Amino acid sequence: AGKSTLLKILSKITPPTSGKIICRGRIASLLEVGTGFHPELSGRENIYMNGSILGMRKSEIDRHFDAIVNFSGVENFLDTPLKRYSSGMQLRLAFAVAAHLEPEILIIDEVLAVGDAEFQKKCLGKMNEISKSGRTVIFVSHDMNAIEQLCNKAVILKKGILAEQGETHKLISHYLHENKHFTFNQLALSENVDMVEFNFQPGEITSGENINFSICLEIKTDVLPAITDFCLLIYSAKGVRITIIDLRPFIKDFVREGNKLLLKGKVENLNLVEGEYSI
């Protein structure tokens, strides 16, 4: 799509082949782990060097130094050369520097994928804080939950061209809907069992409705296999599992017709919030 290339042009790392970028304000960018750091220098020295690259004065870096170290969580290794840091530690330090040295524009490219859950939560909280203080955060990610949580405007790029821009939740919904391709022929459940048909009253439903479903399994052996686990999984449009409907109590209700097993049933009072789901 050209996302990272565009961010490098905005950050003045790569010059554009044609056209021009007009930036109003000081930019800090976090595009890759270790960008703007030197492996031979210690963590302490890299904070000062990276701050200088971002256009900060020494007095500014001094003022924020303790907050940077505290946020990054690498205080025990501050005087260790950066080459001894893990990629996660480098990321923590890089994000801490970029976020605390108060640029007017902060550009972040998918780097949150490297950190652990706790650090990702801290990062999202910090970016929220930055954006609410009137500064700009440009955030590129495939994580729809992070984009929805952080961004009030979104852009979709296709082959380097602006495809759409607008409100975040509308664009996420459109993006996910466009990339959905359901093809259902048969699903191998085990070596000897295929699911050849699954009907679940498709289309729009109202929350709290009763939903009818039918399942047809094809058995490849003469001996009926023992089915011990069976359930329906409901996923949100973003691929997050919402709930499980346990069918184990109803395994005995499968009806055999030749080499096929049929089960018909009804889910009563299916309560879901408004949105799109897959089963």
C-alpha atoms as a PDB file:
ATOM      1  CA  ALA A   1       0.000   0.000   0.000  1.00  0.00           C
ATOM      2  CA  GLY A   2       2.988   2.322   0.463  1.00  0.00           C
ATOM      3  CA  LYS A   3       2.328   3.148   4.132  1.00  0.00           C
ATOM      4  CA  SER A   4       5.916   2.929   5.406  1.00  0.00           C
ATOM      5  CA  THR A   5       7.278   4.734   2.332  1.00  0.00           C
ATOM      6  CA  LEU A   6       4.828   7.587   2.886  1.00  0.00           C
ATOM      7  CA  LEU A   7       5.851   7.849   6.551  1.00  0.00           C
ATOM      8  CA  LYS A   8       9.548   7.943   5.569  1.00  0.00           C
ATOM      9  CA  ILE A   9       8.786  10.806   3.171  1.00  0.00           C
ATOM     10  CA  LEU A  10       6.832  12.659   5.891  1.00  0.00           C
ATOM     11  CA  SER A  11       9.741  12.106   8.299  1.00  0.00           C
ATOM     12  CA  LYS A  12      12.223  13.459   5.710  1.00  0.00           C
ATOM     13  CA  ILE A  13      14.144  10.167   5.644  1.00  0.00           C
ATOM     14  CA  THR A  14      13.322   9.494   1.977  1.00  0.00           C
ATOM     15  CA  PRO A  15      12.900  12.369  -0.514  1.00  0.00           C
ATOM     16  CA  PRO A  16       9.825  12.091  -2.778  1.00  0.00           C
ATOM     17  CA  THR A  17      10.423  11.314  -6.474  1.00  0.00           C
ATOM     18  CA  SER A  18       7.911  14.027  -7.353  1.00  0.00           C
ATOM     19  CA  GLY A  19       5.709  16.467  -5.461  1.00  0.00           C
ATOM     20  CA  LYS A  20       6.504  17.908  -2.065  1.00  0.00           C
ATOM     21  CA  ILE A  21       5.709  17.503   1.620  1.00  0.00           C
ATOM     22  CA  ILE A  22       4.700  20.571   3.635  1.00  0.00           C
ATOM     23  CA  CYS A  23       5.063  20.079   7.402  1.00  0.00           C
ATOM     24  CA  ARG A  24       4.130  22.608  10.052  1.00  0.00           C
ATOM     25  CA  GLY A  25       5.677  21.608  13.363  1.00  0.00           C
ATOM     26  CA  ARG A  26       8.464  19.487  14.774  1.00  0.00           C
ATOM     27  CA  ILE A  27       8.196  15.815  13.756  1.00  0.00           C
ATOM     28  CA  ALA A  28       9.309  12.746  15.740  1.00  0.00           C
ATOM     29  CA  SER A  29       9.004   9.380  14.016  1.00  0.00           C
ATOM     30  CA  LEU A  30       9.163   5.821  15.254  1.00  0.00           C
ATOM     31  CA  LEU A  31       9.305   3.720  12.111  1.00  0.00           C
ATOM     32  CA  GLU A  32      11.514   0.741  12.991  1.00  0.00           C
ATOM     33  CA  VAL A  33      13.164  -0.621  16.112  1.00  0.00           C
ATOM     34  CA  GLY A  34      16.534   1.074  16.551  1.00  0.00           C
ATOM     35  CA  THR A  35      15.968   3.979  14.147  1.00  0.00           C
ATOM     36  CA  GLY A  36      18.091   6.936  15.234  1.00  0.00           C
ATOM     37  CA  PHE A  37      20.077   4.912  17.785  1.00  0.00           C
ATOM     38  CA  HIS A  38      23.721   3.792  17.815  1.00  0.00           C
ATOM     39  CA  PRO A  39      24.462   0.229  19.017  1.00  0.00           C
ATOM     40  CA  GLU A  40      27.849   1.119  20.571  1.00  0.00           C
ATOM     41  CA  LEU A  41      26.476   3.942  22.728  1.00  0.00           C
ATOM     42  CA  SER A  42      24.777   3.324  26.086  1.00  0.00           C
ATOM     43  CA  GLY A  43      21.056   3.809  26.666  1.00  0.00           C
ATOM     44  CA  ARG A  44      21.785   7.120  28.429  1.00  0.00           C
ATOM     45  CA  GLU A  45      23.903   8.434  25.525  1.00  0.00           C
ATOM     46  CA  ASN A  46      21.313   7.287  22.983  1.00  0.00           C
ATOM     47  CA  ILE A  47      18.572   9.259  24.740  1.00  0.00           C
ATOM     48  CA  TYR A  48      20.634  12.445  24.262  1.00  0.00           C
ATOM     49  CA  MET A  49      21.663  11.572  20.710  1.00  0.00           C
ATOM     50  CA  ASN A  50      18.141  10.623  19.614  1.00  0.00           C
ATOM     51  CA  GLY A  51      16.714  13.728  21.265  1.00  0.00           C
ATOM     52  CA  SER A  52      19.216  15.879  19.351  1.00  0.00           C
ATOM     53  CA  ILE A  53      18.229  14.169  16.065  1.00  0.00           C
ATOM     54  CA  LEU A  54      14.601  15.028  16.870  1.00  0.00           C
ATOM     55  CA  GLY A  55      15.655  18.666  17.249  1.00  0.00           C
ATOM     56  CA  MET A  56      15.590  18.941  21.047  1.00  0.00           C
ATOM     57  CA  ARG A  57      17.895  21.107  23.130  1.00  0.00           C
ATOM     58  CA  LYS A  58      19.968  19.501  25.897  1.00  0.00           C
ATOM     59  CA  SER A  59      17.976  21.401  28.533  1.00  0.00           C
ATOM     60  CA  GLU A  60      14.732  19.892  27.174  1.00  0.00           C
ATOM     61  CA  ILE A  61      16.184  16.382  27.283  1.00  0.00           C
ATOM     62  CA  ASP A  62      17.488  16.975  30.843  1.00  0.00           C
ATOM     63  CA  ARG A  63      14.015  18.050  31.926  1.00  0.00           C
ATOM     64  CA  HIS A  64      12.329  14.892  30.577  1.00  0.00           C
ATOM     65  CA  PHE A  65      15.176  12.435  31.218  1.00  0.00           C
ATOM     66  CA  ASP A  66      13.755  10.808  34.386  1.00  0.00           C
ATOM     67  CA  ALA A  67      10.270  10.432  32.851  1.00  0.00           C
ATOM     68  CA  ILE A  68      11.790   8.796  29.731  1.00  0.00           C
ATOM     69  CA  VAL A  69      13.804   6.301  31.782  1.00  0.00           C
ATOM     70  CA  ASN A  70      10.851   5.530  34.060  1.00  0.00           C
ATOM     71  CA  PHE A  71       8.459   4.961  31.132  1.00  0.00           C
ATOM     72  CA  SER A  72      10.916   2.740  29.226  1.00  0.00           C
ATOM     73  CA  GLY A  73      11.606   0.496  32.239  1.00  0.00           C
ATOM     74  CA  VAL A  74      15.285   0.014  31.286  1.00  0.00           C
ATOM     75  CA  GLU A  75      16.795   1.984  34.212  1.00  0.00           C
ATOM     76  CA  ASN A  76      18.922  -1.016  35.306  1.00  0.00           C
ATOM     77  CA  PHE A  77      20.608  -1.103  31.883  1.00  0.00           C
ATOM     78  CA  LEU A  78      20.949   2.618  31.258  1.00  0.00           C
ATOM     79  CA  ASP A  79      24.760   2.504  31.011  1.00  0.00           C
ATOM     80  CA  THR A  80      24.838  -0.743  28.980  1.00  0.00           C
ATOM     81  CA  PRO A  81      25.646  -0.468  25.233  1.00  0.00           C
ATOM     82  CA  LEU A  82      22.477  -0.594  23.135  1.00  0.00           C
ATOM     83  CA  LYS A  83      23.751  -3.636  21.186  1.00  0.00           C
ATOM     84  CA  ARG A  84      23.188  -5.669  24.396  1.00  0.00           C
ATOM     85  CA  TYR A  85      19.497  -4.657  24.503  1.00  0.00           C
ATOM     86  CA  SER A  86      16.775  -6.960  23.190  1.00  0.00           C
ATOM     87  CA  SER A  87      14.564  -5.612  20.381  1.00  0.00           C
ATOM     88  CA  GLY A  88      11.779  -5.088  22.941  1.00  0.00           C
ATOM     89  CA  MET A  89      14.060  -2.998  25.204  1.00  0.00           C
ATOM     90  CA  GLN A  90      15.207  -0.903  22.227  1.00  0.00           C
ATOM     91  CA  LEU A  91      11.575  -0.311  21.282  1.00  0.00           C
ATOM     92  CA  ARG A  92      10.676   0.755  24.825  1.00  0.00           C
ATOM     93  CA  LEU A  93      13.517   3.276  24.888  1.00  0.00           C
ATOM     94  CA  ALA A  94      12.762   4.594  21.389  1.00  0.00           C
ATOM     95  CA  PHE A  95       9.053   5.072  22.138  1.00  0.00           C
ATOM     96  CA  ALA A  96       9.801   6.717  25.493  1.00  0.00           C
ATOM     97  CA  VAL A  97      12.151   9.254  23.833  1.00  0.00           C
ATOM     98  CA  ALA A  98       9.778  10.014  20.937  1.00  0.00           C
ATOM     99  CA  ALA A  99       6.725  10.380  23.193  1.00  0.00           C
ATOM    100  CA  HIS A 100       8.264  12.469  25.984  1.00  0.00           C
ATOM    101  CA  LEU A 101      10.252  15.014  23.972  1.00  0.00           C
ATOM    102  CA  GLU A 102       7.044  16.776  22.967  1.00  0.00           C
ATOM    103  CA  PRO A 103       7.108  16.912  19.170  1.00  0.00           C
ATOM    104  CA  GLU A 104       4.113  18.611  17.571  1.00  0.00           C
ATOM    105  CA  ILE A 105       3.691  15.600  15.245  1.00  0.00           C
ATOM    106  CA  LEU A 106       4.404  12.002  16.271  1.00  0.00           C
ATOM    107  CA  ILE A 107       4.592   9.380  13.488  1.00  0.00           C
ATOM    108  CA  ILE A 108       4.312   5.730  14.551  1.00  0.00           C
ATOM    109  CA  ASP A 109       4.486   2.739  12.205  1.00  0.00           C
ATOM    110  CA  GLU A 110       3.166  -0.534  13.668  1.00  0.00           C
ATOM    111  CA  VAL A 111       5.966  -0.688  16.270  1.00  0.00           C
ATOM    112  CA  LEU A 112       3.585  -1.636  19.074  1.00  0.00           C
ATOM    113  CA  ALA A 113       3.558  -5.201  17.694  1.00  0.00           C
ATOM    114  CA  VAL A 114       6.979  -5.785  19.330  1.00  0.00           C
ATOM    115  CA  GLY A 115       6.191  -4.874  22.951  1.00  0.00           C
ATOM    116  CA  ASP A 116       4.387  -6.992  25.538  1.00  0.00           C
ATOM    117  CA  ALA A 117       0.720  -6.413  26.465  1.00  0.00           C
ATOM    118  CA  GLU A 118       1.508  -4.150  29.425  1.00  0.00           C
ATOM    119  CA  PHE A 119       3.832  -1.937  27.363  1.00  0.00           C
ATOM    120  CA  GLN A 120       1.349  -1.760  24.470  1.00  0.00           C
ATOM    121  CA  LYS A 121      -1.286  -0.547  26.931  1.00  0.00           C
ATOM    122  CA  LYS A 122       1.147   2.123  28.221  1.00  0.00           C
ATOM    123  CA  CYS A 123       1.917   3.196  24.635  1.00  0.00           C
ATOM    124  CA  LEU A 124      -1.752   3.537  23.686  1.00  0.00           C
ATOM    125  CA  GLY A 125      -2.381   5.503  26.880  1.00  0.00           C
ATOM    126  CA  LYS A 126       0.546   7.826  26.125  1.00  0.00           C
ATOM    127  CA  MET A 127      -0.549   8.359  22.513  1.00  0.00           C
ATOM    128  CA  ASN A 128      -4.074   9.159  23.704  1.00  0.00           C
ATOM    129  CA  GLU A 129      -2.601  11.676  26.132  1.00  0.00           C
ATOM    130  CA  ILE A 130      -0.491  13.253  23.347  1.00  0.00           C
ATOM    131  CA  SER A 131      -3.425  13.543  20.925  1.00  0.00           C
ATOM    132  CA  LYS A 132      -5.684  15.064  23.625  1.00  0.00           C
ATOM    133  CA  SER A 133      -3.035  17.699  24.374  1.00  0.00           C
ATOM    134  CA  GLY A 134      -3.604  19.131  20.882  1.00  0.00           C
ATOM    135  CA  ARG A 135      -0.644  17.477  19.169  1.00  0.00           C
ATOM    136  CA  THR A 136      -0.937  15.195  16.134  1.00  0.00           C
ATOM    137  CA  VAL A 137      -0.343  11.434  16.111  1.00  0.00           C
ATOM    138  CA  ILE A 138      -0.106   9.627  12.765  1.00  0.00           C
ATOM    139  CA  PHE A 139      -0.483   5.921  13.501  1.00  0.00           C
ATOM    140  CA  VAL A 140      -0.189   3.094  10.947  1.00  0.00           C
ATOM    141  CA  SER A 141      -1.372  -0.362  11.959  1.00  0.00           C
ATOM    142  CA  HIS A 142      -3.303  -3.464  10.922  1.00  0.00           C
ATOM    143  CA  ASP A 143      -4.642  -3.751  14.479  1.00  0.00           C
ATOM    144  CA  MET A 144      -8.207  -2.460  14.079  1.00  0.00           C
ATOM    145  CA  ASN A 145      -8.800  -2.339  17.848  1.00  0.00           C
ATOM    146  CA  ALA A 146      -5.769  -0.057  18.374  1.00  0.00           C
ATOM    147  CA  ILE A 147      -6.833   2.217  15.493  1.00  0.00           C
ATOM    148  CA  GLU A 148     -10.408   2.393  16.787  1.00  0.00           C
ATOM    149  CA  GLN A 149      -9.194   3.183  20.319  1.00  0.00           C
ATOM    150  CA  LEU A 150      -6.681   5.844  19.263  1.00  0.00           C
ATOM    151  CA  CYS A 151      -7.729   7.550  16.026  1.00  0.00           C
ATOM    152  CA  ASN A 152     -10.669   9.845  15.334  1.00  0.00           C
ATOM    153  CA  LYS A 153      -9.910  10.019  11.589  1.00  0.00           C
ATOM    154  CA  ALA A 154      -8.637   7.242   9.327  1.00  0.00           C
ATOM    155  CA  VAL A 155      -7.198   6.814   5.836  1.00  0.00           C
ATOM    156  CA  ILE A 156      -7.154   3.716   3.619  1.00  0.00           C
ATOM    157  CA  LEU A 157      -4.303   3.452   1.100  1.00  0.00           C
ATOM    158  CA  LYS A 158      -4.347   1.194  -1.957  1.00  0.00           C
ATOM    159  CA  LYS A 159      -1.167   0.808  -4.028  1.00  0.00           C
ATOM    160  CA  GLY A 160       0.118   4.159  -2.810  1.00  0.00           C
ATOM    161  CA  ILE A 161      -3.094   6.004  -3.649  1.00  0.00           C
ATOM    162  CA  LEU A 162      -5.561   7.462  -1.152  1.00  0.00           C
ATOM    163  CA  ALA A 163      -8.626   5.220  -1.462  1.00  0.00           C
ATOM    164  CA  GLU A 164     -10.766   6.618   1.353  1.00  0.00           C
ATOM    165  CA  GLN A 165     -10.666   8.928   4.340  1.00  0.00           C
ATOM    166  CA  GLY A 166     -13.193   9.719   7.035  1.00  0.00           C
ATOM    167  CA  GLU A 167     -14.500   8.653  10.439  1.00  0.00           C
ATOM    168  CA  THR A 168     -12.561   5.735  11.914  1.00  0.00           C
ATOM    169  CA  HIS A 169     -15.403   3.340  12.780  1.00  0.00           C
ATOM    170  CA  LYS A 170     -17.021   3.723   9.335  1.00  0.00           C
ATOM    171  CA  LEU A 171     -13.742   3.100   7.504  1.00  0.00           C
ATOM    172  CA  ILE A 172     -12.868   0.078   9.671  1.00  0.00           C
ATOM    173  CA  SER A 173     -16.273  -1.452   8.979  1.00  0.00           C
ATOM    174  CA  HIS A 174     -15.904  -0.800   5.242  1.00  0.00           C
ATOM    175  CA  TYR A 175     -12.323  -2.125   5.153  1.00  0.00           C
ATOM    176  CA  LEU A 176     -13.241  -5.367   6.946  1.00  0.00           C
ATOM    177  CA  HIS A 177     -16.380  -5.859   4.845  1.00  0.00           C
ATOM    178  CA  GLU A 178     -14.436  -5.373   1.600  1.00  0.00           C
ATOM    179  CA  ASN A 179     -11.825  -7.962   2.574  1.00  0.00           C
ATOM    180  CA  LYS A 180     -14.335 -10.643   3.514  1.00  0.00           C
ATOM    181  CA  HIS A 181     -14.606 -13.559   1.101  1.00  0.00           C
ATOM    182  CA  PHE A 182     -16.689 -16.430   2.438  1.00  0.00           C
ATOM    183  CA  THR A 183     -16.478 -19.663   0.478  1.00  0.00           C
ATOM    184  CA  PHE A 184     -17.839 -22.751   2.114  1.00  0.00           C
ATOM    185  CA  ASN A 185     -17.558 -26.084   0.326  1.00  0.00           C
ATOM    186  CA  GLN A 186     -16.521 -28.457   3.053  1.00  0.00           C
ATOM    187  CA  LEU A 187     -14.566 -28.290   6.260  1.00  0.00           C
ATOM    188  CA  ALA A 188     -12.472 -31.225   7.469  1.00  0.00           C
ATOM    189  CA  LEU A 189     -13.244 -31.644  11.173  1.00  0.00           C
ATOM    190  CA  SER A 190     -11.127 -34.764  11.576  1.00  0.00           C
ATOM    191  CA  GLU A 191      -9.574 -37.514   9.466  1.00  0.00           C
ATOM    192  CA  ASN A 192     -12.910 -39.262   9.047  1.00  0.00           C
ATOM    193  CA  VAL A 193     -15.448 -36.436   9.352  1.00  0.00           C
ATOM    194  CA  ASP A 194     -16.169 -33.492   7.022  1.00  0.00           C
ATOM    195  CA  MET A 195     -18.772 -30.770   7.568  1.00  0.00           C
ATOM    196  CA  VAL A 196     -20.483 -30.483   4.178  1.00  0.00           C
ATOM    197  CA  GLU A 197     -23.322 -28.143   5.090  1.00  0.00           C
ATOM    198  CA  PHE A 198     -23.928 -25.447   7.696  1.00  0.00           C
ATOM    199  CA  ASN A 199     -26.989 -23.207   7.583  1.00  0.00           C
ATOM    200  CA  PHE A 200     -27.410 -20.488  10.189  1.00  0.00           C
ATOM    201  CA  GLN A 201     -30.210 -18.161   9.071  1.00  0.00           C
ATOM    202  CA  PRO A 202     -27.817 -15.687   7.352  1.00  0.00           C
ATOM    203  CA  GLY A 203     -28.505 -11.993   6.835  1.00  0.00           C
ATOM    204  CA  GLU A 204     -29.740  -9.407   9.310  1.00  0.00           C
ATOM    205  CA  ILE A 205     -31.098 -10.457  12.685  1.00  0.00           C
ATOM    206  CA  THR A 206     -32.460  -8.572  15.681  1.00  0.00           C
ATOM    207  CA  SER A 207     -30.809  -9.008  19.062  1.00  0.00           C
ATOM    208  CA  GLY A 208     -32.746 -11.450  21.236  1.00  0.00           C
ATOM    209  CA  GLU A 209     -34.195 -13.400  18.303  1.00  0.00           C
ATOM    210  CA  ASN A 210     -34.279 -17.188  18.125  1.00  0.00           C
ATOM    211  CA  ILE A 211     -31.970 -18.460  15.359  1.00  0.00           C
ATOM    212  CA  ASN A 212     -32.436 -21.792  13.573  1.00  0.00           C
ATOM    213  CA  PHE A 213     -29.426 -23.735  12.309  1.00  0.00           C
ATOM    214  CA  SER A 214     -28.676 -27.063  10.606  1.00  0.00           C
ATOM    215  CA  ILE A 215     -25.422 -28.992  10.286  1.00  0.00           C
ATOM    216  CA  CYS A 216     -24.607 -31.919   7.999  1.00  0.00           C
ATOM    217  CA  LEU A 217     -21.528 -34.082   8.588  1.00  0.00           C
ATOM    218  CA  GLU A 218     -20.150 -36.625   6.134  1.00  0.00           C
ATOM    219  CA  ILE A 219     -18.621 -39.794   7.612  1.00  0.00           C
ATOM    220  CA  LYS A 220     -15.844 -41.505   5.634  1.00  0.00           C
ATOM    221  CA  THR A 221     -15.846 -44.821   7.563  1.00  0.00           C
ATOM    222  CA  ASP A 222     -18.435 -47.528   8.204  1.00  0.00           C
ATOM    223  CA  VAL A 223     -17.950 -47.231  11.962  1.00  0.00           C
ATOM    224  CA  LEU A 224     -19.537 -44.130  13.456  1.00  0.00           C
ATOM    225  CA  PRO A 225     -16.744 -41.996  15.003  1.00  0.00           C
ATOM    226  CA  ALA A 226     -17.138 -40.864  18.604  1.00  0.00           C
ATOM    227  CA  ILE A 227     -17.966 -37.156  18.629  1.00  0.00           C
ATOM    228  CA  THR A 228     -17.033 -35.748  22.046  1.00  0.00           C
ATOM    229  CA  ASP A 229     -16.772 -31.990  21.387  1.00  0.00           C
ATOM    230  CA  PHE A 230     -19.024 -29.797  19.292  1.00  0.00           C
ATOM    231  CA  CYS A 231     -19.746 -26.063  19.497  1.00  0.00           C
ATOM    232  CA  LEU A 232     -20.520 -22.933  17.504  1.00  0.00           C
ATOM    233  CA  LEU A 233     -18.058 -20.043  17.826  1.00  0.00           C
ATOM    234  CA  ILE A 234     -19.247 -16.481  17.211  1.00  0.00           C
ATOM    235  CA  TYR A 235     -16.631 -13.917  16.095  1.00  0.00           C
ATOM    236  CA  SER A 236     -16.867 -10.148  15.753  1.00  0.00           C
ATOM    237  CA  ALA A 237     -16.045  -8.408  12.463  1.00  0.00           C
ATOM    238  CA  LYS A 238     -12.518  -7.800  13.823  1.00  0.00           C
ATOM    239  CA  GLY A 239     -11.961 -11.534  14.350  1.00  0.00           C
ATOM    240  CA  VAL A 240     -12.364 -11.472  18.152  1.00  0.00           C
ATOM    241  CA  ARG A 241     -14.225 -14.473  19.588  1.00  0.00           C
ATOM    242  CA  ILE A 242     -17.371 -13.216  21.344  1.00  0.00           C
ATOM    243  CA  THR A 243     -19.016 -16.382  22.639  1.00  0.00           C
ATOM    244  CA  ILE A 244     -19.287 -20.163  22.403  1.00  0.00           C
ATOM    245  CA  ILE A 245     -22.569 -22.047  21.991  1.00  0.00           C
ATOM    246  CA  ASP A 246     -21.965 -25.506  23.480  1.00  0.00           C
ATOM    247  CA  LEU A 247     -23.599 -28.317  21.466  1.00  0.00           C
ATOM    248  CA  ARG A 248     -22.148 -31.234  23.450  1.00  0.00           C
ATOM    249  CA  PRO A 249     -25.455 -31.988  25.228  1.00  0.00           C
ATOM    250  CA  PHE A 250     -27.089 -32.425  21.797  1.00  0.00           C
ATOM    251  CA  ILE A 251     -24.550 -34.744  20.115  1.00  0.00           C
ATOM    252  CA  LYS A 252     -26.979 -37.630  20.782  1.00  0.00           C
ATOM    253  CA  ASP A 253     -29.589 -35.800  18.618  1.00  0.00           C
ATOM    254  CA  PHE A 254     -27.585 -36.269  15.379  1.00  0.00           C
ATOM    255  CA  VAL A 255     -29.718 -38.224  12.872  1.00  0.00           C
ATOM    256  CA  ARG A 256     -27.867 -40.707  10.624  1.00  0.00           C
ATOM    257  CA  GLU A 257     -28.804 -40.949   6.927  1.00  0.00           C
ATOM    258  CA  GLY A 258     -26.415 -43.294   5.114  1.00  0.00           C
ATOM    259  CA  ASN A 259     -22.927 -41.764   5.468  1.00  0.00           C
ATOM    260  CA  LYS A 260     -24.316 -38.432   6.703  1.00  0.00           C
ATOM    261  CA  LEU A 261     -25.138 -37.122  10.182  1.00  0.00           C
ATOM    262  CA  LEU A 262     -27.720 -34.325  10.453  1.00  0.00           C
ATOM    263  CA  LEU A 263     -28.380 -31.965  13.356  1.00  0.00           C
ATOM    264  CA  LYS A 264     -31.077 -29.299  13.431  1.00  0.00           C
ATOM    265  CA  GLY A 265     -31.453 -26.887  16.307  1.00  0.00           C
ATOM    266  CA  LYS A 266     -32.375 -23.466  17.575  1.00  0.00           C
ATOM    267  CA  VAL A 267     -30.373 -20.908  19.553  1.00  0.00           C
ATOM    268  CA  GLU A 268     -32.866 -19.091  21.751  1.00  0.00           C
ATOM    269  CA  ASN A 269     -32.595 -15.420  22.647  1.00  0.00           C
ATOM    270  CA  LEU A 270     -29.272 -14.666  20.894  1.00  0.00           C
ATOM    271  CA  ASN A 271     -28.271 -11.343  22.468  1.00  0.00           C
ATOM    272  CA  LEU A 272     -25.584  -9.469  20.498  1.00  0.00           C
ATOM    273  CA  VAL A 273     -24.798  -5.767  20.249  1.00  0.00           C
ATOM    274  CA  GLU A 274     -25.202  -4.086  16.863  1.00  0.00           C
ATOM    275  CA  GLY A 275     -22.512  -5.083  14.372  1.00  0.00           C
ATOM    276  CA  GLU A 276     -21.324  -7.812  12.021  1.00  0.00           C
ATOM    277  CA  TYR A 277     -20.494 -11.333  13.144  1.00  0.00           C
ATOM    278  CA  SER A 278     -19.296 -14.601  11.668  1.00  0.00           C
ATOM    279  CA  ILE A 279     -19.996 -18.111  12.951  1.00  0.00           C
END
